[in-house]
């Protein structure tokens, strides 16, 4: 992963996003929204999936690295497979292993003007499966060009991260120590690192623009997250289903909402509270991965899930400081460098 792209590229990426929707809902230019598989892969035969017939109902299933997927719509399985296989490949870049297998239900997002089937969504989540939302190229034709398949994979990546913690709890159930779990800051940071949305580069720049607001890394690593406001809670929940009841992107490019918004005029808004905490978790994980390599993040996750401390994680560092307070200073210096580079480029 590149540490930071050039300022020109960064400014171009910012121009692609209208004011009010910098990072949360995703964009076709980021990995959250995968391009149509016909554009980048050899087309998959339309007979993908295995049929299971119960009465008059047919369900299609498909197994892959990290997922057991079902859908009542065979036509969306190919796009879902491409997106999940890509995310699993990036996951392996951090953990050198396939993601834990989770159950996924692929759902076609409603057409504009139609309401989502909230009853069906509740049934899926209650069963322990993760919804995978897909907006087909046919639905998007004429909106963002010729049409692309949009696949929202972040909820599946979060399910993989949660499964890592569940597996560790199961392995240590007979131990005398407290049951391990995924630290909150890593659970927050890993999906954006794997998926690229919200873009860690842009999140870091947004933090850097307001250094007086930065929360110390000891609070980040300890999981001492501020209590979110009611609006922040709504936005966080909406990320699981990124379309409003009329089928429009609820946190998308036109919404003006989201956890990392821009202010009017396209300026990067000052973050605070739980939103700032989340942004910092993403940024420092990105910093560590950029300096030490992606495998360092995977090993950090294993150490922390196993009950280790951040001091133990940093003891194996080769580039960044091996002390939390020194790491805090190095990370802030790095943020300041990015801000200075952006300031020079904008003159």
C-alpha atoms as a PDB file:
ATOM      1  CA  UNK A   1       0.000   0.000   0.000  1.00  0.00           C
ATOM      2  CA  UNK A   2       1.369   3.428  -0.843  1.00  0.00           C
ATOM      3  CA  UNK A   3       1.917   5.755   2.077  1.00  0.00           C
ATOM      4  CA  UNK A   4       0.329   8.746   0.395  1.00  0.00           C
ATOM      5  CA  UNK A   5      -0.274   9.476  -3.283  1.00  0.00           C
ATOM      6  CA  UNK A   6       0.948  12.683  -4.786  1.00  0.00           C
ATOM      7  CA  UNK A   7      -0.832  15.874  -3.889  1.00  0.00           C
ATOM      8  CA  UNK A   8      -2.150  16.238  -7.432  1.00  0.00           C
ATOM      9  CA  UNK A   9      -3.740  12.801  -7.317  1.00  0.00           C
ATOM     10  CA  UNK A  10      -5.134  13.518  -3.871  1.00  0.00           C
ATOM     11  CA  UNK A  11      -6.722  16.774  -4.963  1.00  0.00           C
ATOM     12  CA  UNK A  12      -8.168  15.049  -8.008  1.00  0.00           C
ATOM     13  CA  UNK A  13      -9.708  12.405  -5.771  1.00  0.00           C
ATOM     14  CA  UNK A  14     -11.235  15.103  -3.587  1.00  0.00           C
ATOM     15  CA  UNK A  15     -12.758  16.802  -6.591  1.00  0.00           C
ATOM     16  CA  UNK A  16     -14.524  13.589  -7.468  1.00  0.00           C
ATOM     17  CA  UNK A  17     -16.553  13.823  -4.261  1.00  0.00           C
ATOM     18  CA  UNK A  18     -19.152  16.572  -3.862  1.00  0.00           C
ATOM     19  CA  UNK A  19     -19.292  18.505  -0.600  1.00  0.00           C
ATOM     20  CA  UNK A  20     -20.807  16.583   2.290  1.00  0.00           C
ATOM     21  CA  UNK A  21     -19.831  13.072   1.299  1.00  0.00           C
ATOM     22  CA  UNK A  22     -16.101  12.652   1.559  1.00  0.00           C
ATOM     23  CA  UNK A  23     -15.657   9.160   2.827  1.00  0.00           C
ATOM     24  CA  UNK A  24     -18.516   7.345   4.425  1.00  0.00           C
ATOM     25  CA  UNK A  25     -20.785   6.043   1.716  1.00  0.00           C
ATOM     26  CA  UNK A  26     -18.161   4.984  -0.748  1.00  0.00           C
ATOM     27  CA  UNK A  27     -17.429   5.940  -4.301  1.00  0.00           C
ATOM     28  CA  UNK A  28     -16.850   4.094  -7.511  1.00  0.00           C
ATOM     29  CA  UNK A  29     -13.236   5.290  -7.365  1.00  0.00           C
ATOM     30  CA  UNK A  30     -12.596   3.512  -4.080  1.00  0.00           C
ATOM     31  CA  UNK A  31     -12.524  -0.235  -3.487  1.00  0.00           C
ATOM     32  CA  UNK A  32     -15.812  -0.284  -1.597  1.00  0.00           C
ATOM     33  CA  UNK A  33     -17.629  -0.035  -4.914  1.00  0.00           C
ATOM     34  CA  UNK A  34     -16.134  -2.654  -7.163  1.00  0.00           C
ATOM     35  CA  UNK A  35     -16.150  -2.060 -10.928  1.00  0.00           C
ATOM     36  CA  UNK A  36     -18.204  -4.290 -13.127  1.00  0.00           C
ATOM     37  CA  UNK A  37     -16.572  -7.685 -13.436  1.00  0.00           C
ATOM     38  CA  UNK A  38     -16.866  -7.480 -17.224  1.00  0.00           C
ATOM     39  CA  UNK A  39     -14.537  -4.464 -17.125  1.00  0.00           C
ATOM     40  CA  UNK A  40     -11.647  -6.156 -15.330  1.00  0.00           C
ATOM     41  CA  UNK A  41     -12.177  -9.901 -15.405  1.00  0.00           C
ATOM     42  CA  UNK A  42     -12.994 -12.561 -17.934  1.00  0.00           C
ATOM     43  CA  UNK A  43     -16.793 -12.826 -17.772  1.00  0.00           C
ATOM     44  CA  UNK A  44     -18.028 -15.550 -15.453  1.00  0.00           C
ATOM     45  CA  UNK A  45     -20.462 -18.026 -16.905  1.00  0.00           C
ATOM     46  CA  UNK A  46     -24.049 -17.255 -15.866  1.00  0.00           C
ATOM     47  CA  UNK A  47     -24.510 -20.724 -14.364  1.00  0.00           C
ATOM     48  CA  UNK A  48     -22.523 -19.795 -11.230  1.00  0.00           C
ATOM     49  CA  UNK A  49     -23.978 -21.235  -8.040  1.00  0.00           C
ATOM     50  CA  UNK A  50     -25.723 -24.443  -7.013  1.00  0.00           C
ATOM     51  CA  UNK A  51     -29.506 -24.600  -6.875  1.00  0.00           C
ATOM     52  CA  UNK A  52     -31.405 -25.738  -3.774  1.00  0.00           C
ATOM     53  CA  UNK A  53     -35.144 -26.110  -4.328  1.00  0.00           C
ATOM     54  CA  UNK A  54     -37.658 -26.049  -1.500  1.00  0.00           C
ATOM     55  CA  UNK A  55     -41.202 -26.217  -2.770  1.00  0.00           C
ATOM     56  CA  UNK A  56     -41.583 -23.388  -5.267  1.00  0.00           C
ATOM     57  CA  UNK A  57     -38.565 -21.479  -3.913  1.00  0.00           C
ATOM     58  CA  UNK A  58     -35.038 -21.766  -5.327  1.00  0.00           C
ATOM     59  CA  UNK A  59     -31.947 -20.620  -3.458  1.00  0.00           C
ATOM     60  CA  UNK A  60     -28.522 -20.459  -5.082  1.00  0.00           C
ATOM     61  CA  UNK A  61     -25.369 -21.145  -3.076  1.00  0.00           C
ATOM     62  CA  UNK A  62     -21.711 -20.450  -3.747  1.00  0.00           C
ATOM     63  CA  UNK A  63     -18.664 -21.229  -1.597  1.00  0.00           C
ATOM     64  CA  UNK A  64     -15.432 -19.287  -1.683  1.00  0.00           C
ATOM     65  CA  UNK A  65     -12.464 -18.273   0.441  1.00  0.00           C
ATOM     66  CA  UNK A  66     -14.022 -16.721   3.540  1.00  0.00           C
ATOM     67  CA  UNK A  67     -17.678 -17.086   2.629  1.00  0.00           C
ATOM     68  CA  UNK A  68     -20.640 -19.373   2.129  1.00  0.00           C
ATOM     69  CA  UNK A  69     -22.984 -17.263   0.036  1.00  0.00           C
ATOM     70  CA  UNK A  70     -26.637 -17.731  -0.741  1.00  0.00           C
ATOM     71  CA  UNK A  71     -29.069 -15.693  -2.790  1.00  0.00           C
ATOM     72  CA  UNK A  72     -32.500 -15.993  -4.314  1.00  0.00           C
ATOM     73  CA  UNK A  73     -31.140 -14.113  -7.357  1.00  0.00           C
ATOM     74  CA  UNK A  74     -28.638 -16.123  -9.363  1.00  0.00           C
ATOM     75  CA  UNK A  75     -27.905 -13.146 -11.599  1.00  0.00           C
ATOM     76  CA  UNK A  76     -26.063 -11.229  -8.838  1.00  0.00           C
ATOM     77  CA  UNK A  77     -23.801 -14.054  -7.670  1.00  0.00           C
ATOM     78  CA  UNK A  78     -21.055 -13.363 -10.231  1.00  0.00           C
ATOM     79  CA  UNK A  79     -20.616  -9.723  -9.144  1.00  0.00           C
ATOM     80  CA  UNK A  80     -20.751 -10.779  -5.486  1.00  0.00           C
ATOM     81  CA  UNK A  81     -18.143 -13.467  -6.068  1.00  0.00           C
ATOM     82  CA  UNK A  82     -15.758 -11.051  -7.786  1.00  0.00           C
ATOM     83  CA  UNK A  83     -16.077  -8.514  -4.974  1.00  0.00           C
ATOM     84  CA  UNK A  84     -15.633 -11.000  -2.143  1.00  0.00           C
ATOM     85  CA  UNK A  85     -12.721 -12.780  -3.812  1.00  0.00           C
ATOM     86  CA  UNK A  86     -10.994  -9.418  -4.209  1.00  0.00           C
ATOM     87  CA  UNK A  87     -11.574  -8.518  -0.567  1.00  0.00           C
ATOM     88  CA  UNK A  88     -10.352 -11.947   0.555  1.00  0.00           C
ATOM     89  CA  UNK A  89      -7.173 -11.473  -1.476  1.00  0.00           C
ATOM     90  CA  UNK A  90      -6.498  -8.154   0.255  1.00  0.00           C
ATOM     91  CA  UNK A  91      -7.275  -9.743   3.630  1.00  0.00           C
ATOM     92  CA  UNK A  92      -4.575 -12.347   2.934  1.00  0.00           C
ATOM     93  CA  UNK A  93      -2.128  -9.498   2.399  1.00  0.00           C
ATOM     94  CA  UNK A  94      -2.507  -8.672   6.089  1.00  0.00           C
ATOM     95  CA  UNK A  95      -2.996 -12.109   7.647  1.00  0.00           C
ATOM     96  CA  UNK A  96      -1.213 -14.447   5.174  1.00  0.00           C
ATOM     97  CA  UNK A  97      -4.256 -16.686   5.375  1.00  0.00           C
ATOM     98  CA  UNK A  98      -7.805 -16.883   4.082  1.00  0.00           C
ATOM     99  CA  UNK A  99     -10.401 -15.005   6.115  1.00  0.00           C
ATOM    100  CA  UNK A 100     -12.590 -17.052   8.456  1.00  0.00           C
ATOM    101  CA  UNK A 101     -15.579 -18.480   6.626  1.00  0.00           C
ATOM    102  CA  UNK A 102     -18.791 -16.569   7.318  1.00  0.00           C
ATOM    103  CA  UNK A 103     -22.315 -16.907   5.989  1.00  0.00           C
ATOM    104  CA  UNK A 104     -23.305 -14.224   3.496  1.00  0.00           C
ATOM    105  CA  UNK A 105     -26.650 -13.487   1.869  1.00  0.00           C
ATOM    106  CA  UNK A 106     -26.376 -11.529  -1.380  1.00  0.00           C
ATOM    107  CA  UNK A 107     -29.212  -9.039  -1.833  1.00  0.00           C
ATOM    108  CA  UNK A 108     -29.976  -6.797  -4.762  1.00  0.00           C
ATOM    109  CA  UNK A 109     -30.538  -3.255  -3.538  1.00  0.00           C
ATOM    110  CA  UNK A 110     -33.984  -1.845  -4.351  1.00  0.00           C
ATOM    111  CA  UNK A 111     -34.542   0.234  -7.423  1.00  0.00           C
ATOM    112  CA  UNK A 112     -34.916   3.954  -6.971  1.00  0.00           C
ATOM    113  CA  UNK A 113     -38.282   4.742  -5.482  1.00  0.00           C
ATOM    114  CA  UNK A 114     -38.645   1.309  -3.889  1.00  0.00           C
ATOM    115  CA  UNK A 115     -38.336   0.597  -0.198  1.00  0.00           C
ATOM    116  CA  UNK A 116     -35.895  -2.029   1.123  1.00  0.00           C
ATOM    117  CA  UNK A 117     -37.323  -5.222   2.574  1.00  0.00           C
ATOM    118  CA  UNK A 118     -36.470  -4.483   6.209  1.00  0.00           C
ATOM    119  CA  UNK A 119     -38.194  -7.655   7.385  1.00  0.00           C
ATOM    120  CA  UNK A 120     -35.886  -9.734   5.210  1.00  0.00           C
ATOM    121  CA  UNK A 121     -32.840  -7.830   6.472  1.00  0.00           C
ATOM    122  CA  UNK A 122     -33.809  -8.523  10.073  1.00  0.00           C
ATOM    123  CA  UNK A 123     -34.261 -12.209   9.272  1.00  0.00           C
ATOM    124  CA  UNK A 124     -30.797 -12.390   7.727  1.00  0.00           C
ATOM    125  CA  UNK A 125     -29.016 -10.719  10.624  1.00  0.00           C
ATOM    126  CA  UNK A 126     -31.022 -12.692  13.188  1.00  0.00           C
ATOM    127  CA  UNK A 127     -29.827 -15.913  11.530  1.00  0.00           C
ATOM    128  CA  UNK A 128     -26.201 -14.881  12.045  1.00  0.00           C
ATOM    129  CA  UNK A 129     -25.540 -14.171   8.363  1.00  0.00           C
ATOM    130  CA  UNK A 130     -24.222 -10.943   6.868  1.00  0.00           C
ATOM    131  CA  UNK A 131     -26.102  -9.104   4.104  1.00  0.00           C
ATOM    132  CA  UNK A 132     -24.079  -8.294   0.982  1.00  0.00           C
ATOM    133  CA  UNK A 133     -25.736  -5.417  -0.866  1.00  0.00           C
ATOM    134  CA  UNK A 134     -25.438  -5.188  -4.637  1.00  0.00           C
ATOM    135  CA  UNK A 135     -26.607  -2.465  -6.987  1.00  0.00           C
ATOM    136  CA  UNK A 136     -26.402  -3.941 -10.463  1.00  0.00           C
ATOM    137  CA  UNK A 137     -24.967  -2.264 -13.541  1.00  0.00           C
ATOM    138  CA  UNK A 138     -28.435  -2.228 -15.053  1.00  0.00           C
ATOM    139  CA  UNK A 139     -29.756  -0.247 -12.092  1.00  0.00           C
ATOM    140  CA  UNK A 140     -26.879   2.224 -12.318  1.00  0.00           C
ATOM    141  CA  UNK A 141     -26.932   2.728 -16.074  1.00  0.00           C
ATOM    142  CA  UNK A 142     -26.990   6.430 -16.891  1.00  0.00           C
ATOM    143  CA  UNK A 143     -26.064   7.586 -13.381  1.00  0.00           C
ATOM    144  CA  UNK A 144     -22.297   7.076 -13.226  1.00  0.00           C
ATOM    145  CA  UNK A 145     -21.565   6.271 -16.865  1.00  0.00           C
ATOM    146  CA  UNK A 146     -22.390   3.037 -18.677  1.00  0.00           C
ATOM    147  CA  UNK A 147     -23.237   1.256 -15.435  1.00  0.00           C
ATOM    148  CA  UNK A 148     -21.258  -0.651 -12.809  1.00  0.00           C
ATOM    149  CA  UNK A 149     -22.005  -3.339 -10.267  1.00  0.00           C
ATOM    150  CA  UNK A 150     -21.727  -1.745  -6.815  1.00  0.00           C
ATOM    151  CA  UNK A 151     -20.996  -4.240  -4.049  1.00  0.00           C
ATOM    152  CA  UNK A 152     -20.844  -3.130  -0.405  1.00  0.00           C
ATOM    153  CA  UNK A 153     -18.287  -5.484   1.131  1.00  0.00           C
ATOM    154  CA  UNK A 154     -17.384  -3.667   4.368  1.00  0.00           C
ATOM    155  CA  UNK A 155     -19.997  -5.534   6.459  1.00  0.00           C
ATOM    156  CA  UNK A 156     -18.494  -8.840   5.320  1.00  0.00           C
ATOM    157  CA  UNK A 157     -14.971  -7.716   6.230  1.00  0.00           C
ATOM    158  CA  UNK A 158     -16.270  -6.680   9.663  1.00  0.00           C
ATOM    159  CA  UNK A 159     -17.788 -10.164   9.971  1.00  0.00           C
ATOM    160  CA  UNK A 160     -14.364 -11.655   9.179  1.00  0.00           C
ATOM    161  CA  UNK A 161     -12.748  -9.537  11.879  1.00  0.00           C
ATOM    162  CA  UNK A 162     -15.420 -10.513  14.413  1.00  0.00           C
ATOM    163  CA  UNK A 163     -14.933 -14.163  13.473  1.00  0.00           C
ATOM    164  CA  UNK A 164     -11.240 -13.873  14.315  1.00  0.00           C
ATOM    165  CA  UNK A 165     -12.198 -12.805  17.825  1.00  0.00           C
ATOM    166  CA  UNK A 166     -14.830 -15.539  18.122  1.00  0.00           C
ATOM    167  CA  UNK A 167     -12.307 -18.157  17.036  1.00  0.00           C
ATOM    168  CA  UNK A 168      -9.816 -16.931  19.635  1.00  0.00           C
ATOM    169  CA  UNK A 169     -12.486 -16.991  22.352  1.00  0.00           C
ATOM    170  CA  UNK A 170     -13.308 -20.571  21.437  1.00  0.00           C
ATOM    171  CA  UNK A 171      -9.648 -21.603  21.483  1.00  0.00           C
ATOM    172  CA  UNK A 172      -9.093 -20.076  24.928  1.00  0.00           C
ATOM    173  CA  UNK A 173     -12.423 -21.034  26.528  1.00  0.00           C
ATOM    174  CA  UNK A 174     -10.703 -23.361  28.983  1.00  0.00           C
ATOM    175  CA  UNK A 175      -7.977 -20.882  29.898  1.00  0.00           C
ATOM    176  CA  UNK A 176      -7.819 -18.935  33.130  1.00  0.00           C
ATOM    177  CA  UNK A 177      -7.330 -15.549  31.494  1.00  0.00           C
ATOM    178  CA  UNK A 178     -10.070 -13.253  30.267  1.00  0.00           C
ATOM    179  CA  UNK A 179     -11.535 -14.174  26.920  1.00  0.00           C
ATOM    180  CA  UNK A 180      -9.692 -12.362  24.112  1.00  0.00           C
ATOM    181  CA  UNK A 181     -11.542 -10.153  21.644  1.00  0.00           C
ATOM    182  CA  UNK A 182     -10.635  -7.882  18.768  1.00  0.00           C
ATOM    183  CA  UNK A 183      -9.574  -4.522  20.221  1.00  0.00           C
ATOM    184  CA  UNK A 184     -12.051  -1.811  19.323  1.00  0.00           C
ATOM    185  CA  UNK A 185      -9.515   0.319  17.463  1.00  0.00           C
ATOM    186  CA  UNK A 186      -8.454  -2.604  15.267  1.00  0.00           C
ATOM    187  CA  UNK A 187     -12.038  -3.681  14.661  1.00  0.00           C
ATOM    188  CA  UNK A 188     -12.654  -0.115  13.475  1.00  0.00           C
ATOM    189  CA  UNK A 189      -9.515   0.116  11.341  1.00  0.00           C
ATOM    190  CA  UNK A 190      -9.244  -3.257   9.627  1.00  0.00           C
ATOM    191  CA  UNK A 191     -12.259  -2.998   7.270  1.00  0.00           C
ATOM    192  CA  UNK A 192     -11.115   0.349   5.788  1.00  0.00           C
ATOM    193  CA  UNK A 193      -7.563  -1.008   5.428  1.00  0.00           C
ATOM    194  CA  UNK A 194      -8.788  -4.070   3.546  1.00  0.00           C
ATOM    195  CA  UNK A 195     -11.530  -2.380   1.525  1.00  0.00           C
ATOM    196  CA  UNK A 196     -10.106   1.118   1.085  1.00  0.00           C
ATOM    197  CA  UNK A 197     -13.301   2.896   2.113  1.00  0.00           C
ATOM    198  CA  UNK A 198     -13.222   5.217   3.894  1.00  0.00           C
ATOM    199  CA  UNK A 199      -9.885   5.971   2.301  1.00  0.00           C
ATOM    200  CA  UNK A 200      -7.222   5.939   5.080  1.00  0.00           C
ATOM    201  CA  UNK A 201      -5.190   8.480   3.109  1.00  0.00           C
ATOM    202  CA  UNK A 202      -8.001  11.021   3.144  1.00  0.00           C
ATOM    203  CA  UNK A 203      -8.969  10.247   6.733  1.00  0.00           C
ATOM    204  CA  UNK A 204      -5.395  10.976   7.815  1.00  0.00           C
ATOM    205  CA  UNK A 205      -5.385  14.249   5.936  1.00  0.00           C
ATOM    206  CA  UNK A 206      -8.632  15.272   7.601  1.00  0.00           C
ATOM    207  CA  UNK A 207      -7.135  14.616  11.045  1.00  0.00           C
ATOM    208  CA  UNK A 208      -3.977  16.508  10.102  1.00  0.00           C
ATOM    209  CA  UNK A 209      -5.947  19.626   9.204  1.00  0.00           C
ATOM    210  CA  UNK A 210      -7.007  20.019  12.847  1.00  0.00           C
ATOM    211  CA  UNK A 211      -4.063  18.894  15.038  1.00  0.00           C
ATOM    212  CA  UNK A 212      -5.399  20.657  18.129  1.00  0.00           C
ATOM    213  CA  UNK A 213      -8.264  18.151  18.278  1.00  0.00           C
ATOM    214  CA  UNK A 214      -6.191  14.967  18.155  1.00  0.00           C
ATOM    215  CA  UNK A 215      -6.900  12.351  20.817  1.00  0.00           C
ATOM    216  CA  UNK A 216      -3.776  10.703  22.273  1.00  0.00           C
ATOM    217  CA  UNK A 217      -2.953   7.215  21.021  1.00  0.00           C
ATOM    218  CA  UNK A 218      -3.099   5.733  24.514  1.00  0.00           C
ATOM    219  CA  UNK A 219      -6.830   6.461  24.480  1.00  0.00           C
ATOM    220  CA  UNK A 220      -7.115   4.905  21.029  1.00  0.00           C
ATOM    221  CA  UNK A 221      -5.265   1.719  21.957  1.00  0.00           C
ATOM    222  CA  UNK A 222      -7.097   1.374  25.278  1.00  0.00           C
ATOM    223  CA  UNK A 223     -10.448   1.436  23.510  1.00  0.00           C
ATOM    224  CA  UNK A 224     -11.554   4.527  25.405  1.00  0.00           C
ATOM    225  CA  UNK A 225     -13.934   5.675  22.654  1.00  0.00           C
ATOM    226  CA  UNK A 226     -16.090   8.730  23.418  1.00  0.00           C
ATOM    227  CA  UNK A 227     -19.819   8.133  23.648  1.00  0.00           C
ATOM    228  CA  UNK A 228     -21.198   8.833  20.146  1.00  0.00           C
ATOM    229  CA  UNK A 229     -23.869  11.415  19.595  1.00  0.00           C
ATOM    230  CA  UNK A 230     -27.292  10.344  18.406  1.00  0.00           C
ATOM    231  CA  UNK A 231     -26.433  11.446  14.879  1.00  0.00           C
ATOM    232  CA  UNK A 232     -23.132   9.540  14.913  1.00  0.00           C
ATOM    233  CA  UNK A 233     -24.957   6.415  16.076  1.00  0.00           C
ATOM    234  CA  UNK A 234     -27.449   6.719  13.223  1.00  0.00           C
ATOM    235  CA  UNK A 235     -24.676   7.207  10.683  1.00  0.00           C
ATOM    236  CA  UNK A 236     -22.769   4.187  11.995  1.00  0.00           C
ATOM    237  CA  UNK A 237     -25.863   1.990  11.753  1.00  0.00           C
ATOM    238  CA  UNK A 238     -26.647   3.289   8.270  1.00  0.00           C
ATOM    239  CA  UNK A 239     -23.276   2.113   6.989  1.00  0.00           C
ATOM    240  CA  UNK A 240     -24.620  -1.430   7.243  1.00  0.00           C
ATOM    241  CA  UNK A 241     -27.294  -0.525   4.691  1.00  0.00           C
ATOM    242  CA  UNK A 242     -26.119   2.354   2.467  1.00  0.00           C
ATOM    243  CA  UNK A 243     -29.434   3.099   0.759  1.00  0.00           C
ATOM    244  CA  UNK A 244     -32.397   5.021   2.129  1.00  0.00           C
ATOM    245  CA  UNK A 245     -35.968   3.850   1.904  1.00  0.00           C
ATOM    246  CA  UNK A 246     -36.300   5.341  -1.572  1.00  0.00           C
ATOM    247  CA  UNK A 247     -33.331   3.364  -2.840  1.00  0.00           C
ATOM    248  CA  UNK A 248     -30.920   6.296  -2.918  1.00  0.00           C
ATOM    249  CA  UNK A 249     -27.514   6.204  -1.287  1.00  0.00           C
ATOM    250  CA  UNK A 250     -28.104   7.139   2.324  1.00  0.00           C
ATOM    251  CA  UNK A 251     -24.429   7.770   2.927  1.00  0.00           C
ATOM    252  CA  UNK A 252     -23.437   8.133  -0.677  1.00  0.00           C
ATOM    253  CA  UNK A 253     -22.074  10.833  -2.866  1.00  0.00           C
ATOM    254  CA  UNK A 254     -25.237  12.934  -2.837  1.00  0.00           C
ATOM    255  CA  UNK A 255     -26.297  12.630   0.783  1.00  0.00           C
ATOM    256  CA  UNK A 256     -24.286  15.300   2.611  1.00  0.00           C
ATOM    257  CA  UNK A 257     -24.009  12.954   5.591  1.00  0.00           C
ATOM    258  CA  UNK A 258     -21.527  10.467   6.898  1.00  0.00           C
ATOM    259  CA  UNK A 259     -18.982   9.939   9.663  1.00  0.00           C
ATOM    260  CA  UNK A 260     -16.185  11.848   7.911  1.00  0.00           C
ATOM    261  CA  UNK A 261     -18.020  14.692   6.149  1.00  0.00           C
ATOM    262  CA  UNK A 262     -16.754  17.694   4.268  1.00  0.00           C
ATOM    263  CA  UNK A 263     -18.011  21.135   5.166  1.00  0.00           C
ATOM    264  CA  UNK A 264     -19.529  23.540   2.677  1.00  0.00           C
ATOM    265  CA  UNK A 265     -17.160  24.525  -0.082  1.00  0.00           C
ATOM    266  CA  UNK A 266     -15.408  21.161  -0.066  1.00  0.00           C
ATOM    267  CA  UNK A 267     -13.240  21.863   2.979  1.00  0.00           C
ATOM    268  CA  UNK A 268     -12.319  19.020   5.299  1.00  0.00           C
ATOM    269  CA  UNK A 269     -14.526  19.381   8.359  1.00  0.00           C
ATOM    270  CA  UNK A 270     -13.096  19.232  11.890  1.00  0.00           C
ATOM    271  CA  UNK A 271     -13.944  15.913  13.509  1.00  0.00           C
ATOM    272  CA  UNK A 272     -14.765  15.367  17.161  1.00  0.00           C
ATOM    273  CA  UNK A 273     -15.802  12.747  19.687  1.00  0.00           C
ATOM    274  CA  UNK A 274     -16.460   9.205  18.493  1.00  0.00           C
ATOM    275  CA  UNK A 275     -16.042  10.211  14.850  1.00  0.00           C
ATOM    276  CA  UNK A 276     -12.553  11.570  15.501  1.00  0.00           C
ATOM    277  CA  UNK A 277     -11.671   8.479  17.532  1.00  0.00           C
ATOM    278  CA  UNK A 278     -12.686   6.212  14.650  1.00  0.00           C
ATOM    279  CA  UNK A 279     -10.736   8.312  12.160  1.00  0.00           C
ATOM    280  CA  UNK A 280      -7.602   8.155  14.314  1.00  0.00           C
ATOM    281  CA  UNK A 281      -7.890   4.372  14.680  1.00  0.00           C
ATOM    282  CA  UNK A 282      -7.931   4.069  10.893  1.00  0.00           C
ATOM    283  CA  UNK A 283      -5.091   6.543  10.457  1.00  0.00           C
ATOM    284  CA  UNK A 284      -2.665   5.041  12.968  1.00  0.00           C
ATOM    285  CA  UNK A 285      -3.294   1.522  11.639  1.00  0.00           C
ATOM    286  CA  UNK A 286      -2.601   2.828   8.136  1.00  0.00           C
ATOM    287  CA  UNK A 287       0.567   4.504   9.422  1.00  0.00           C
ATOM    288  CA  UNK A 288       1.784   1.291  11.054  1.00  0.00           C
ATOM    289  CA  UNK A 289       1.054  -0.751   7.949  1.00  0.00           C
ATOM    290  CA  UNK A 290       2.768   1.770   5.697  1.00  0.00           C
ATOM    291  CA  UNK A 291       5.893   1.868   7.844  1.00  0.00           C
ATOM    292  CA  UNK A 292       6.150  -1.767   8.949  1.00  0.00           C
ATOM    293  CA  UNK A 293       4.269  -3.617   6.209  1.00  0.00           C
ATOM    294  CA  UNK A 294       0.813  -5.120   6.029  1.00  0.00           C
ATOM    295  CA  UNK A 295       1.906  -8.333   7.737  1.00  0.00           C
ATOM    296  CA  UNK A 296       2.740  -6.273  10.835  1.00  0.00           C
ATOM    297  CA  UNK A 297      -0.934  -5.340  11.171  1.00  0.00           C
ATOM    298  CA  UNK A 298      -1.968  -8.981  10.917  1.00  0.00           C
ATOM    299  CA  UNK A 299       0.553  -9.997  13.559  1.00  0.00           C
ATOM    300  CA  UNK A 300      -0.552  -7.113  15.784  1.00  0.00           C
ATOM    301  CA  UNK A 301      -4.127  -8.363  15.526  1.00  0.00           C
ATOM    302  CA  UNK A 302      -3.095 -11.890  16.489  1.00  0.00           C
ATOM    303  CA  UNK A 303      -1.087 -10.624  19.459  1.00  0.00           C
ATOM    304  CA  UNK A 304      -3.844  -8.364  20.754  1.00  0.00           C
ATOM    305  CA  UNK A 305      -6.642 -10.875  20.169  1.00  0.00           C
ATOM    306  CA  UNK A 306      -4.558 -13.401  22.076  1.00  0.00           C
ATOM    307  CA  UNK A 307      -4.469 -11.098  25.096  1.00  0.00           C
ATOM    308  CA  UNK A 308      -1.172  -9.318  24.372  1.00  0.00           C
ATOM    309  CA  UNK A 309      -0.493  -5.631  24.833  1.00  0.00           C
ATOM    310  CA  UNK A 310       0.403  -2.826  22.465  1.00  0.00           C
ATOM    311  CA  UNK A 311       3.850  -2.734  24.066  1.00  0.00           C
ATOM    312  CA  UNK A 312       4.342  -6.343  22.946  1.00  0.00           C
ATOM    313  CA  UNK A 313       3.176  -5.433  19.449  1.00  0.00           C
ATOM    314  CA  UNK A 314       5.620  -2.534  19.197  1.00  0.00           C
ATOM    315  CA  UNK A 315       8.501  -4.634  20.563  1.00  0.00           C
ATOM    316  CA  UNK A 316       8.754  -6.303  17.145  1.00  0.00           C
ATOM    317  CA  UNK A 317       8.711  -3.020  15.204  1.00  0.00           C
ATOM    318  CA  UNK A 318      11.674  -2.247  12.986  1.00  0.00           C
ATOM    319  CA  UNK A 319      10.855   1.290  11.828  1.00  0.00           C
ATOM    320  CA  UNK A 320       8.367   2.952  14.158  1.00  0.00           C
ATOM    321  CA  UNK A 321       9.183   3.681  17.828  1.00  0.00           C
ATOM    322  CA  UNK A 322       8.714   0.817  20.255  1.00  0.00           C
ATOM    323  CA  UNK A 323       6.985   2.935  22.875  1.00  0.00           C
ATOM    324  CA  UNK A 324       3.386   4.155  22.677  1.00  0.00           C
ATOM    325  CA  UNK A 325       4.187   7.741  23.628  1.00  0.00           C
ATOM    326  CA  UNK A 326       7.056   7.910  21.132  1.00  0.00           C
ATOM    327  CA  UNK A 327       4.794   6.353  18.496  1.00  0.00           C
ATOM    328  CA  UNK A 328       2.223   9.059  19.227  1.00  0.00           C
ATOM    329  CA  UNK A 329       4.794  11.754  18.493  1.00  0.00           C
ATOM    330  CA  UNK A 330       6.029  10.021  15.331  1.00  0.00           C
ATOM    331  CA  UNK A 331       2.485   9.614  14.029  1.00  0.00           C
ATOM    332  CA  UNK A 332       1.654  13.293  14.700  1.00  0.00           C
ATOM    333  CA  UNK A 333       4.856  14.339  12.920  1.00  0.00           C
ATOM    334  CA  UNK A 334       3.827  12.195   9.967  1.00  0.00           C
ATOM    335  CA  UNK A 335       0.381  13.816   9.912  1.00  0.00           C
ATOM    336  CA  UNK A 336       1.990  17.262   9.993  1.00  0.00           C
ATOM    337  CA  UNK A 337       4.143  16.340   6.997  1.00  0.00           C
ATOM    338  CA  UNK A 338       1.063  15.356   5.017  1.00  0.00           C
ATOM    339  CA  UNK A 339      -0.645  18.614   5.903  1.00  0.00           C
ATOM    340  CA  UNK A 340       2.403  20.618   4.841  1.00  0.00           C
ATOM    341  CA  UNK A 341       2.588  18.740   1.541  1.00  0.00           C
ATOM    342  CA  UNK A 342      -1.073  19.451   0.874  1.00  0.00           C
ATOM    343  CA  UNK A 343      -0.691  23.119   1.809  1.00  0.00           C
ATOM    344  CA  UNK A 344       2.234  23.530  -0.589  1.00  0.00           C
ATOM    345  CA  UNK A 345       0.337  21.815  -3.371  1.00  0.00           C
ATOM    346  CA  UNK A 346      -2.705  24.032  -2.938  1.00  0.00           C
ATOM    347  CA  UNK A 347      -0.803  27.316  -3.218  1.00  0.00           C
END
